[in-house]
């Protein structure tokens, strides 16, 4: 098999993407740590639950929305539960699964942090782009995500989709140990 090395243009685009992504994630994470003592992932969990009917989502569906593994989500929701921001309930229609629920305290924290979070996202990303670039950004990453999810041709492999992966018993990632069904 011959390696298809990146062209100079692709290499520049890749490095620009990585630099931008890492700096954006760092800026957003720092802001949320300072304002609410939580990482961006925890904020994203609260926000997704707040946008869901009755502020609840099946754990597997939440992992899919967040594009993360179920074990990572289990770990994060457990931490949020300890702070009283979420709770878990048995899933009425799937006895093997559970549902994450945003508590009133979690909603209050989210409502307090959201304005600053939106302002940070605006300042570090959208204020630097033209309206045309915003449209291009959406188009590019919609296409990238669709390719991973098997849209537009081909079935997606479970290894391509974090929420479908089976946890490795010796992953050692420190992201939690919840390997059971969610």
N, C-alpha and C. Protein backbone atom coordinates (compact mmCIF):
# COMPACT_ATOMS: atom_id res chain seq x y z
N UNK A 1 0.85 -1.19 0.00
CA UNK A 1 0.00 0.00 0.00
C UNK A 1 0.89 1.24 0.00
N UNK A 2 0.59 2.14 -0.89
CA UNK A 2 1.36 3.37 -1.01
C UNK A 2 0.74 4.45 -0.12
N UNK A 3 1.56 5.12 0.66
CA UNK A 3 1.09 6.20 1.52
C UNK A 3 0.73 7.40 0.66
N UNK A 4 -0.46 7.92 0.88
CA UNK A 4 -0.91 9.13 0.18
C UNK A 4 -0.58 10.34 1.06
N UNK A 5 0.64 10.83 0.96
CA UNK A 5 1.08 11.95 1.79
C UNK A 5 0.24 13.19 1.47
N UNK A 6 0.12 14.05 2.46
CA UNK A 6 -0.62 15.29 2.25
C UNK A 6 0.16 16.21 1.31
N UNK A 7 -0.57 16.89 0.47
CA UNK A 7 0.05 17.90 -0.39
C UNK A 7 0.45 19.07 0.50
N UNK A 8 1.31 19.96 0.02
CA UNK A 8 1.65 21.14 0.84
C UNK A 8 0.41 21.95 1.25
N UNK A 9 -0.56 22.07 0.37
CA UNK A 9 -1.79 22.81 0.69
C UNK A 9 -2.58 22.08 1.77
N UNK A 10 -2.69 20.75 1.64
CA UNK A 10 -3.40 19.97 2.65
C UNK A 10 -2.68 20.02 3.99
N UNK A 11 -1.36 19.96 3.98
CA UNK A 11 -0.58 20.03 5.21
C UNK A 11 -0.80 21.37 5.92
N UNK A 12 -0.79 22.46 5.16
CA UNK A 12 -1.05 23.78 5.76
C UNK A 12 -2.46 23.85 6.33
N UNK A 13 -3.44 23.31 5.58
CA UNK A 13 -4.83 23.33 6.06
C UNK A 13 -4.97 22.50 7.33
N UNK A 14 -4.34 21.32 7.34
CA UNK A 14 -4.41 20.45 8.52
C UNK A 14 -3.80 21.13 9.74
N UNK A 15 -2.64 21.71 9.56
CA UNK A 15 -1.97 22.37 10.70
C UNK A 15 -2.75 23.59 11.17
N UNK A 16 -3.35 24.32 10.23
CA UNK A 16 -4.18 25.47 10.61
C UNK A 16 -5.40 25.00 11.39
N UNK A 17 -6.02 23.91 10.92
CA UNK A 17 -7.16 23.36 11.64
C UNK A 17 -6.76 22.95 13.06
N UNK A 18 -5.68 22.20 13.19
CA UNK A 18 -5.25 21.74 14.51
C UNK A 18 -4.94 22.90 15.44
N UNK A 19 -4.21 23.90 14.94
CA UNK A 19 -3.88 25.06 15.78
C UNK A 19 -5.16 25.77 16.21
N UNK A 20 -6.06 26.01 15.27
CA UNK A 20 -7.31 26.69 15.59
C UNK A 20 -8.17 25.90 16.56
N UNK A 21 -8.31 24.60 16.30
CA UNK A 21 -9.13 23.75 17.16
C UNK A 21 -8.58 23.74 18.59
N UNK A 22 -7.27 23.51 18.73
CA UNK A 22 -6.69 23.42 20.07
C UNK A 22 -6.79 24.74 20.82
N UNK A 23 -6.56 25.85 20.13
CA UNK A 23 -6.66 27.15 20.79
C UNK A 23 -8.11 27.49 21.16
N UNK A 24 -9.06 27.17 20.27
CA UNK A 24 -10.47 27.40 20.58
C UNK A 24 -10.91 26.58 21.79
N UNK A 25 -10.59 25.30 21.78
CA UNK A 25 -11.00 24.43 22.88
C UNK A 25 -10.37 24.90 24.19
N UNK A 26 -9.11 25.32 24.14
CA UNK A 26 -8.45 25.82 25.34
C UNK A 26 -9.13 27.08 25.88
N UNK A 27 -9.46 28.01 24.99
CA UNK A 27 -10.09 29.26 25.41
C UNK A 27 -11.46 29.00 26.03
N UNK A 28 -12.23 28.13 25.41
CA UNK A 28 -13.57 27.81 25.91
C UNK A 28 -13.46 27.05 27.23
N UNK A 29 -12.57 26.09 27.30
CA UNK A 29 -12.38 25.33 28.54
C UNK A 29 -11.93 26.23 29.69
N UNK A 30 -10.97 27.12 29.43
CA UNK A 30 -10.49 28.02 30.48
C UNK A 30 -11.62 28.89 31.00
N UNK A 31 -12.42 29.43 30.09
CA UNK A 31 -13.53 30.28 30.52
C UNK A 31 -14.51 29.50 31.39
N UNK A 32 -14.89 28.31 30.96
CA UNK A 32 -15.85 27.53 31.73
C UNK A 32 -15.27 27.07 33.07
N UNK A 33 -13.99 26.77 33.11
CA UNK A 33 -13.35 26.40 34.38
C UNK A 33 -13.39 27.59 35.35
N UNK A 34 -13.10 28.79 34.83
CA UNK A 34 -13.10 29.98 35.68
C UNK A 34 -14.50 30.35 36.14
N UNK A 35 -15.47 30.27 35.26
CA UNK A 35 -16.83 30.69 35.58
C UNK A 35 -17.62 29.66 36.38
N UNK A 36 -17.44 28.37 36.05
CA UNK A 36 -18.30 27.35 36.66
C UNK A 36 -17.54 26.17 37.22
N UNK A 37 -16.22 26.17 37.10
CA UNK A 37 -15.44 25.05 37.60
C UNK A 37 -15.72 23.75 36.86
N UNK A 38 -16.05 23.87 35.58
CA UNK A 38 -16.35 22.66 34.79
C UNK A 38 -15.71 22.76 33.42
N UNK A 39 -15.34 21.60 32.86
CA UNK A 39 -14.81 21.60 31.50
C UNK A 39 -15.93 21.76 30.46
N UNK A 40 -15.53 22.03 29.25
CA UNK A 40 -16.46 22.24 28.15
C UNK A 40 -17.40 21.05 27.97
N UNK A 41 -16.91 19.84 28.12
CA UNK A 41 -17.76 18.66 27.97
C UNK A 41 -18.93 18.70 28.95
N UNK A 42 -18.68 19.06 30.19
CA UNK A 42 -19.74 19.08 31.19
C UNK A 42 -20.79 20.13 30.83
N UNK A 43 -20.33 21.28 30.39
CA UNK A 43 -21.25 22.33 29.92
C UNK A 43 -22.10 21.79 28.77
N UNK A 44 -21.47 21.11 27.82
CA UNK A 44 -22.18 20.57 26.66
C UNK A 44 -23.24 19.56 27.08
N UNK A 45 -22.95 18.76 28.09
CA UNK A 45 -23.94 17.81 28.60
C UNK A 45 -25.14 18.57 29.15
N UNK A 46 -24.89 19.56 29.98
CA UNK A 46 -25.99 20.34 30.56
C UNK A 46 -26.80 21.02 29.47
N UNK A 47 -26.13 21.61 28.49
CA UNK A 47 -26.83 22.32 27.41
C UNK A 47 -27.69 21.37 26.58
N UNK A 48 -27.16 20.20 26.26
CA UNK A 48 -27.94 19.24 25.48
C UNK A 48 -29.16 18.75 26.26
N UNK A 49 -29.00 18.53 27.54
CA UNK A 49 -30.14 18.11 28.36
C UNK A 49 -31.18 19.23 28.44
N UNK A 50 -30.73 20.46 28.57
CA UNK A 50 -31.65 21.60 28.65
C UNK A 50 -32.48 21.75 27.37
N UNK A 51 -31.90 21.39 26.24
CA UNK A 51 -32.58 21.52 24.95
C UNK A 51 -33.50 20.33 24.66
N UNK A 52 -33.49 19.32 25.49
CA UNK A 52 -34.26 18.10 25.25
C UNK A 52 -35.61 18.18 25.96
N UNK A 53 -36.61 17.47 25.40
CA UNK A 53 -37.92 17.44 26.06
C UNK A 53 -37.79 16.95 27.51
N UNK A 54 -38.42 17.66 28.40
CA UNK A 54 -38.41 17.34 29.83
C UNK A 54 -37.00 17.32 30.42
N UNK A 55 -36.05 17.93 29.72
CA UNK A 55 -34.64 18.02 30.16
C UNK A 55 -34.05 16.64 30.44
N UNK A 56 -34.37 15.66 29.60
CA UNK A 56 -33.88 14.30 29.79
C UNK A 56 -33.57 13.68 28.44
N UNK A 57 -32.54 12.82 28.45
CA UNK A 57 -32.14 12.08 27.26
C UNK A 57 -31.59 10.73 27.66
N UNK A 58 -31.88 9.74 26.86
CA UNK A 58 -31.28 8.42 27.05
C UNK A 58 -29.77 8.59 26.91
N UNK A 59 -29.01 7.93 27.75
CA UNK A 59 -27.56 8.11 27.77
C UNK A 59 -26.93 7.84 26.40
N UNK A 60 -27.38 6.80 25.71
CA UNK A 60 -26.82 6.48 24.40
C UNK A 60 -27.08 7.61 23.41
N UNK A 61 -28.27 8.20 23.46
CA UNK A 61 -28.61 9.31 22.57
C UNK A 61 -27.78 10.55 22.91
N UNK A 62 -27.55 10.77 24.18
CA UNK A 62 -26.72 11.90 24.60
C UNK A 62 -25.28 11.71 24.13
N UNK A 63 -24.75 10.50 24.25
CA UNK A 63 -23.39 10.23 23.76
C UNK A 63 -23.31 10.48 22.26
N UNK A 64 -24.34 10.09 21.53
CA UNK A 64 -24.34 10.33 20.09
C UNK A 64 -24.37 11.82 19.78
N UNK A 65 -25.19 12.57 20.46
CA UNK A 65 -25.25 14.03 20.25
C UNK A 65 -23.89 14.68 20.52
N UNK A 66 -23.23 14.22 21.56
CA UNK A 66 -21.96 14.81 21.96
C UNK A 66 -20.77 14.25 21.18
N UNK A 67 -20.99 13.14 20.46
CA UNK A 67 -19.94 12.48 19.67
C UNK A 67 -18.82 11.96 20.56
N UNK A 68 -19.21 11.34 21.69
CA UNK A 68 -18.24 10.78 22.62
C UNK A 68 -18.61 9.34 22.95
N UNK A 69 -17.69 8.63 23.57
CA UNK A 69 -17.95 7.25 23.96
C UNK A 69 -18.93 7.23 25.13
N UNK A 70 -19.65 6.13 25.23
CA UNK A 70 -20.58 5.98 26.35
C UNK A 70 -19.86 5.95 27.69
N UNK A 71 -18.67 5.37 27.73
CA UNK A 71 -17.95 5.32 29.01
C UNK A 71 -17.49 6.72 29.43
N UNK A 72 -17.08 7.53 28.48
CA UNK A 72 -16.70 8.91 28.81
C UNK A 72 -17.91 9.69 29.32
N UNK A 73 -19.06 9.48 28.68
CA UNK A 73 -20.28 10.15 29.12
C UNK A 73 -20.68 9.69 30.51
N UNK A 74 -20.61 8.39 30.76
CA UNK A 74 -20.97 7.85 32.07
C UNK A 74 -20.12 8.50 33.16
N UNK A 75 -18.82 8.61 32.90
CA UNK A 75 -17.92 9.24 33.87
C UNK A 75 -18.34 10.69 34.12
N UNK A 76 -18.58 11.44 33.04
CA UNK A 76 -18.93 12.85 33.18
C UNK A 76 -20.27 13.04 33.89
N UNK A 77 -21.26 12.26 33.54
CA UNK A 77 -22.57 12.37 34.18
C UNK A 77 -22.47 12.00 35.66
N UNK A 78 -21.66 11.03 35.99
CA UNK A 78 -21.45 10.66 37.39
C UNK A 78 -20.88 11.84 38.16
N UNK A 79 -19.91 12.54 37.57
CA UNK A 79 -19.34 13.73 38.23
C UNK A 79 -20.39 14.82 38.39
N UNK A 80 -21.20 15.04 37.36
CA UNK A 80 -22.25 16.05 37.44
C UNK A 80 -23.32 15.66 38.47
N UNK A 81 -23.57 14.36 38.61
CA UNK A 81 -24.52 13.89 39.63
C UNK A 81 -24.01 14.22 41.03
N UNK A 82 -22.72 14.04 41.25
CA UNK A 82 -22.14 14.33 42.57
C UNK A 82 -22.32 15.79 42.94
N UNK A 83 -22.38 16.67 41.93
CA UNK A 83 -22.59 18.10 42.18
C UNK A 83 -24.07 18.48 42.18
N UNK A 84 -24.94 17.49 41.97
CA UNK A 84 -26.38 17.74 41.97
C UNK A 84 -26.90 18.38 40.70
N UNK A 85 -26.10 18.37 39.63
CA UNK A 85 -26.51 19.04 38.39
C UNK A 85 -27.29 18.13 37.45
N UNK A 86 -27.08 16.83 37.59
CA UNK A 86 -27.83 15.84 36.82
C UNK A 86 -28.22 14.70 37.75
N UNK A 87 -29.10 13.84 37.26
CA UNK A 87 -29.39 12.58 37.93
C UNK A 87 -29.69 11.57 36.83
N UNK A 88 -29.62 10.30 37.20
CA UNK A 88 -29.95 9.24 36.25
C UNK A 88 -31.19 8.50 36.72
N UNK A 89 -31.97 8.10 35.74
CA UNK A 89 -33.16 7.31 36.00
C UNK A 89 -33.13 6.10 35.10
N UNK A 90 -33.86 5.06 35.50
CA UNK A 90 -34.00 3.90 34.63
C UNK A 90 -34.80 4.30 33.40
N UNK A 91 -34.44 3.73 32.29
CA UNK A 91 -35.16 3.96 31.04
C UNK A 91 -36.40 3.08 31.03
N UNK A 92 -37.58 3.68 30.93
CA UNK A 92 -38.84 2.93 30.99
C UNK A 92 -39.01 1.99 29.80
N UNK A 93 -38.50 2.36 28.64
CA UNK A 93 -38.71 1.55 27.44
C UNK A 93 -37.54 0.63 27.12
N UNK A 94 -36.42 0.79 27.84
CA UNK A 94 -35.26 -0.08 27.63
C UNK A 94 -34.65 -0.36 29.00
N UNK A 95 -34.95 -1.50 29.55
CA UNK A 95 -34.51 -1.81 30.92
C UNK A 95 -33.00 -1.85 31.07
N UNK A 96 -32.26 -2.01 29.96
CA UNK A 96 -30.79 -2.03 30.06
C UNK A 96 -30.21 -0.62 30.07
N UNK A 97 -30.97 0.35 29.65
CA UNK A 97 -30.45 1.71 29.51
C UNK A 97 -30.82 2.60 30.67
N UNK A 98 -30.26 3.79 30.65
CA UNK A 98 -30.62 4.79 31.65
C UNK A 98 -30.78 6.14 30.95
N UNK A 99 -31.40 7.05 31.66
CA UNK A 99 -31.71 8.37 31.14
C UNK A 99 -31.02 9.40 32.03
N UNK A 100 -30.35 10.35 31.40
CA UNK A 100 -29.75 11.47 32.14
C UNK A 100 -30.79 12.59 32.21
N UNK A 101 -30.90 13.19 33.39
CA UNK A 101 -31.88 14.25 33.61
C UNK A 101 -31.16 15.47 34.17
N UNK A 102 -31.46 16.63 33.61
CA UNK A 102 -30.92 17.89 34.12
C UNK A 102 -31.76 18.32 35.30
N UNK A 103 -31.14 18.51 36.45
CA UNK A 103 -31.86 18.93 37.66
C UNK A 103 -32.13 20.43 37.60
N UNK A 104 -32.98 20.92 38.50
CA UNK A 104 -33.23 22.36 38.59
C UNK A 104 -31.93 23.10 38.91
N UNK A 105 -31.12 22.52 39.79
CA UNK A 105 -29.82 23.13 40.13
C UNK A 105 -28.91 23.18 38.90
N UNK A 106 -28.92 22.11 38.10
CA UNK A 106 -28.13 22.08 36.88
C UNK A 106 -28.59 23.14 35.89
N UNK A 107 -29.90 23.31 35.76
CA UNK A 107 -30.44 24.34 34.87
C UNK A 107 -30.03 25.72 35.34
N UNK A 108 -30.07 25.95 36.65
CA UNK A 108 -29.67 27.26 37.19
C UNK A 108 -28.19 27.54 36.90
N UNK A 109 -27.34 26.54 37.08
CA UNK A 109 -25.91 26.71 36.76
C UNK A 109 -25.74 27.02 35.28
N UNK A 110 -26.42 26.27 34.44
CA UNK A 110 -26.32 26.48 32.99
C UNK A 110 -26.78 27.89 32.62
N UNK A 111 -27.90 28.31 33.15
CA UNK A 111 -28.41 29.65 32.84
C UNK A 111 -27.46 30.75 33.32
N UNK A 112 -26.74 30.50 34.40
CA UNK A 112 -25.78 31.48 34.89
C UNK A 112 -24.51 31.55 34.04
N UNK A 113 -24.11 30.42 33.48
CA UNK A 113 -22.85 30.35 32.72
C UNK A 113 -23.05 30.61 31.23
N UNK A 114 -24.23 30.32 30.71
CA UNK A 114 -24.46 30.39 29.26
C UNK A 114 -24.14 31.74 28.63
N UNK A 115 -24.54 32.87 29.20
CA UNK A 115 -24.23 34.14 28.54
C UNK A 115 -22.72 34.36 28.34
N UNK A 116 -21.92 34.05 29.34
CA UNK A 116 -20.47 34.19 29.21
C UNK A 116 -19.88 33.19 28.22
N UNK A 117 -20.45 31.99 28.21
CA UNK A 117 -19.98 30.97 27.26
C UNK A 117 -20.23 31.43 25.82
N UNK A 118 -21.45 31.91 25.57
CA UNK A 118 -21.79 32.37 24.22
C UNK A 118 -20.89 33.54 23.83
N UNK A 119 -20.64 34.43 24.75
CA UNK A 119 -19.77 35.58 24.44
C UNK A 119 -18.35 35.11 24.14
N UNK A 120 -17.86 34.12 24.87
CA UNK A 120 -16.53 33.58 24.59
C UNK A 120 -16.48 32.94 23.21
N UNK A 121 -17.48 32.12 22.88
CA UNK A 121 -17.52 31.48 21.55
C UNK A 121 -17.57 32.55 20.47
N UNK A 122 -18.38 33.57 20.67
CA UNK A 122 -18.47 34.65 19.69
C UNK A 122 -17.12 35.36 19.54
N UNK A 123 -16.48 35.68 20.65
CA UNK A 123 -15.21 36.43 20.60
C UNK A 123 -14.08 35.63 19.98
N UNK A 124 -13.98 34.34 20.33
CA UNK A 124 -12.83 33.56 19.85
C UNK A 124 -13.05 32.94 18.48
N UNK A 125 -14.30 32.91 18.00
CA UNK A 125 -14.55 32.29 16.70
C UNK A 125 -15.34 33.20 15.76
N UNK A 126 -16.59 33.43 16.05
CA UNK A 126 -17.46 34.06 15.07
C UNK A 126 -17.14 35.52 14.78
N UNK A 127 -16.63 36.27 15.75
CA UNK A 127 -16.25 37.65 15.48
C UNK A 127 -15.05 37.75 14.55
N UNK A 128 -14.34 36.67 14.34
CA UNK A 128 -13.15 36.64 13.48
C UNK A 128 -13.47 36.20 12.05
N UNK A 129 -14.73 35.82 11.80
CA UNK A 129 -15.12 35.30 10.51
C UNK A 129 -16.14 36.20 9.83
N UNK A 130 -16.13 36.18 8.51
CA UNK A 130 -17.17 36.86 7.75
C UNK A 130 -18.40 35.97 7.73
N UNK A 131 -19.57 36.52 7.42
CA UNK A 131 -20.76 35.65 7.29
C UNK A 131 -20.54 34.54 6.26
N UNK A 132 -19.83 34.81 5.19
CA UNK A 132 -19.55 33.78 4.20
C UNK A 132 -18.69 32.66 4.80
N UNK A 133 -17.70 33.02 5.60
CA UNK A 133 -16.84 32.02 6.24
C UNK A 133 -17.61 31.19 7.25
N UNK A 134 -18.58 31.79 7.94
CA UNK A 134 -19.41 31.03 8.88
C UNK A 134 -20.17 29.95 8.11
N UNK A 135 -20.73 30.31 6.96
CA UNK A 135 -21.43 29.34 6.13
C UNK A 135 -20.50 28.24 5.63
N UNK A 136 -19.29 28.61 5.25
CA UNK A 136 -18.30 27.63 4.79
C UNK A 136 -17.90 26.69 5.92
N UNK A 137 -17.71 27.24 7.11
CA UNK A 137 -17.35 26.42 8.27
C UNK A 137 -18.43 25.38 8.53
N UNK A 138 -19.68 25.80 8.52
CA UNK A 138 -20.79 24.86 8.72
C UNK A 138 -20.79 23.80 7.62
N UNK A 139 -20.65 24.22 6.39
CA UNK A 139 -20.68 23.29 5.26
C UNK A 139 -19.54 22.27 5.35
N UNK A 140 -18.35 22.72 5.67
CA UNK A 140 -17.19 21.84 5.75
C UNK A 140 -17.38 20.79 6.84
N UNK A 141 -17.73 21.21 8.04
CA UNK A 141 -17.81 20.26 9.14
C UNK A 141 -19.08 19.42 9.12
N UNK A 142 -20.12 19.89 8.45
CA UNK A 142 -21.28 19.04 8.21
C UNK A 142 -20.88 17.90 7.29
N UNK A 143 -20.09 18.20 6.27
CA UNK A 143 -19.61 17.18 5.34
C UNK A 143 -18.68 16.18 6.03
N UNK A 144 -17.79 16.67 6.86
CA UNK A 144 -16.86 15.79 7.58
C UNK A 144 -17.65 14.85 8.49
N UNK A 145 -18.57 15.39 9.27
CA UNK A 145 -19.37 14.56 10.19
C UNK A 145 -20.22 13.55 9.42
N UNK A 146 -20.81 13.98 8.33
CA UNK A 146 -21.65 13.08 7.53
C UNK A 146 -20.83 11.91 6.99
N UNK A 147 -19.60 12.17 6.60
CA UNK A 147 -18.74 11.10 6.11
C UNK A 147 -18.46 10.05 7.17
N UNK A 148 -18.25 10.47 8.39
CA UNK A 148 -18.03 9.52 9.49
C UNK A 148 -19.26 8.71 9.79
N UNK A 149 -20.42 9.32 9.61
CA UNK A 149 -21.68 8.67 9.99
C UNK A 149 -22.31 7.88 8.85
N UNK A 150 -21.55 7.74 7.76
CA UNK A 150 -22.02 6.90 6.66
C UNK A 150 -23.05 7.57 5.77
N UNK A 151 -23.26 8.85 5.93
CA UNK A 151 -24.22 9.55 5.08
C UNK A 151 -23.59 9.82 3.73
N UNK A 152 -24.37 9.70 2.69
CA UNK A 152 -23.86 9.95 1.35
C UNK A 152 -23.07 8.77 0.80
N UNK A 153 -23.27 7.60 1.37
CA UNK A 153 -22.61 6.41 0.85
C UNK A 153 -21.89 5.64 1.93
N UNK A 154 -22.01 4.36 1.86
CA UNK A 154 -21.27 3.48 2.77
C UNK A 154 -21.80 3.47 4.19
N UNK A 155 -21.72 2.32 4.79
CA UNK A 155 -22.12 2.14 6.18
C UNK A 155 -20.97 2.55 7.09
N UNK A 156 -21.26 3.31 8.13
CA UNK A 156 -20.23 3.70 9.07
C UNK A 156 -19.85 2.51 9.94
N UNK A 157 -18.57 2.38 10.18
CA UNK A 157 -18.06 1.33 11.06
C UNK A 157 -18.26 1.75 12.51
N UNK A 158 -18.58 0.81 13.42
CA UNK A 158 -18.70 1.17 14.84
C UNK A 158 -17.44 1.85 15.39
N UNK A 159 -16.28 1.50 14.86
CA UNK A 159 -15.04 2.13 15.33
C UNK A 159 -14.96 3.60 14.93
N UNK A 160 -15.72 3.98 13.88
CA UNK A 160 -15.73 5.37 13.43
C UNK A 160 -16.61 6.26 14.31
N UNK A 161 -17.51 5.65 15.06
CA UNK A 161 -18.50 6.39 15.84
C UNK A 161 -18.29 6.12 17.32
N UNK A 162 -17.79 7.10 18.05
CA UNK A 162 -17.43 6.86 19.46
C UNK A 162 -18.57 6.30 20.30
N UNK A 163 -19.78 6.74 20.09
CA UNK A 163 -20.90 6.28 20.92
C UNK A 163 -21.30 4.84 20.63
N UNK A 164 -20.76 4.24 19.56
CA UNK A 164 -21.04 2.83 19.26
C UNK A 164 -19.90 1.91 19.69
N UNK A 165 -18.77 2.48 20.05
CA UNK A 165 -17.61 1.66 20.41
C UNK A 165 -17.85 0.92 21.69
N UNK A 166 -17.28 -0.26 21.73
CA UNK A 166 -17.24 -1.03 22.98
C UNK A 166 -16.04 -0.53 23.75
N UNK A 167 -16.20 -0.38 25.03
CA UNK A 167 -15.09 0.05 25.88
C UNK A 167 -14.04 -1.04 25.93
N UNK A 168 -12.82 -0.62 25.89
CA UNK A 168 -11.71 -1.55 26.03
C UNK A 168 -11.46 -1.78 27.51
N UNK A 169 -11.37 -3.04 27.95
CA UNK A 169 -11.18 -3.30 29.38
C UNK A 169 -9.87 -2.74 29.91
N UNK A 170 -8.92 -2.46 29.05
CA UNK A 170 -7.64 -1.94 29.54
C UNK A 170 -7.30 -0.64 28.83
N UNK A 171 -8.30 0.21 28.61
CA UNK A 171 -8.05 1.45 27.87
C UNK A 171 -7.15 2.39 28.65
N UNK A 172 -7.29 2.42 30.00
CA UNK A 172 -6.41 3.25 30.81
C UNK A 172 -6.49 4.72 30.50
N UNK A 173 -7.60 5.19 29.91
CA UNK A 173 -7.69 6.58 29.51
C UNK A 173 -8.04 7.51 30.65
N UNK A 174 -8.49 6.95 31.77
CA UNK A 174 -8.89 7.80 32.89
C UNK A 174 -10.22 8.46 32.66
N UNK A 175 -10.93 8.06 31.61
CA UNK A 175 -12.19 8.72 31.29
C UNK A 175 -13.39 8.00 31.86
N UNK A 176 -13.17 7.07 32.72
CA UNK A 176 -14.30 6.39 33.35
C UNK A 176 -14.26 4.91 33.06
N UNK A 177 -15.07 4.19 33.79
CA UNK A 177 -15.05 2.75 33.64
C UNK A 177 -16.40 2.19 33.24
N UNK A 178 -17.35 3.03 32.90
CA UNK A 178 -18.68 2.53 32.58
C UNK A 178 -18.71 1.80 31.26
N UNK A 179 -18.59 0.50 31.32
CA UNK A 179 -18.59 -0.27 30.08
C UNK A 179 -19.91 -0.95 29.81
N UNK A 180 -20.86 -0.78 30.71
CA UNK A 180 -22.16 -1.42 30.54
C UNK A 180 -23.02 -0.65 29.56
N UNK A 181 -24.15 -1.20 29.17
CA UNK A 181 -25.04 -0.52 28.24
C UNK A 181 -25.61 0.73 28.88
N UNK A 182 -25.85 1.71 28.08
CA UNK A 182 -26.43 2.98 28.56
C UNK A 182 -27.72 3.21 27.84
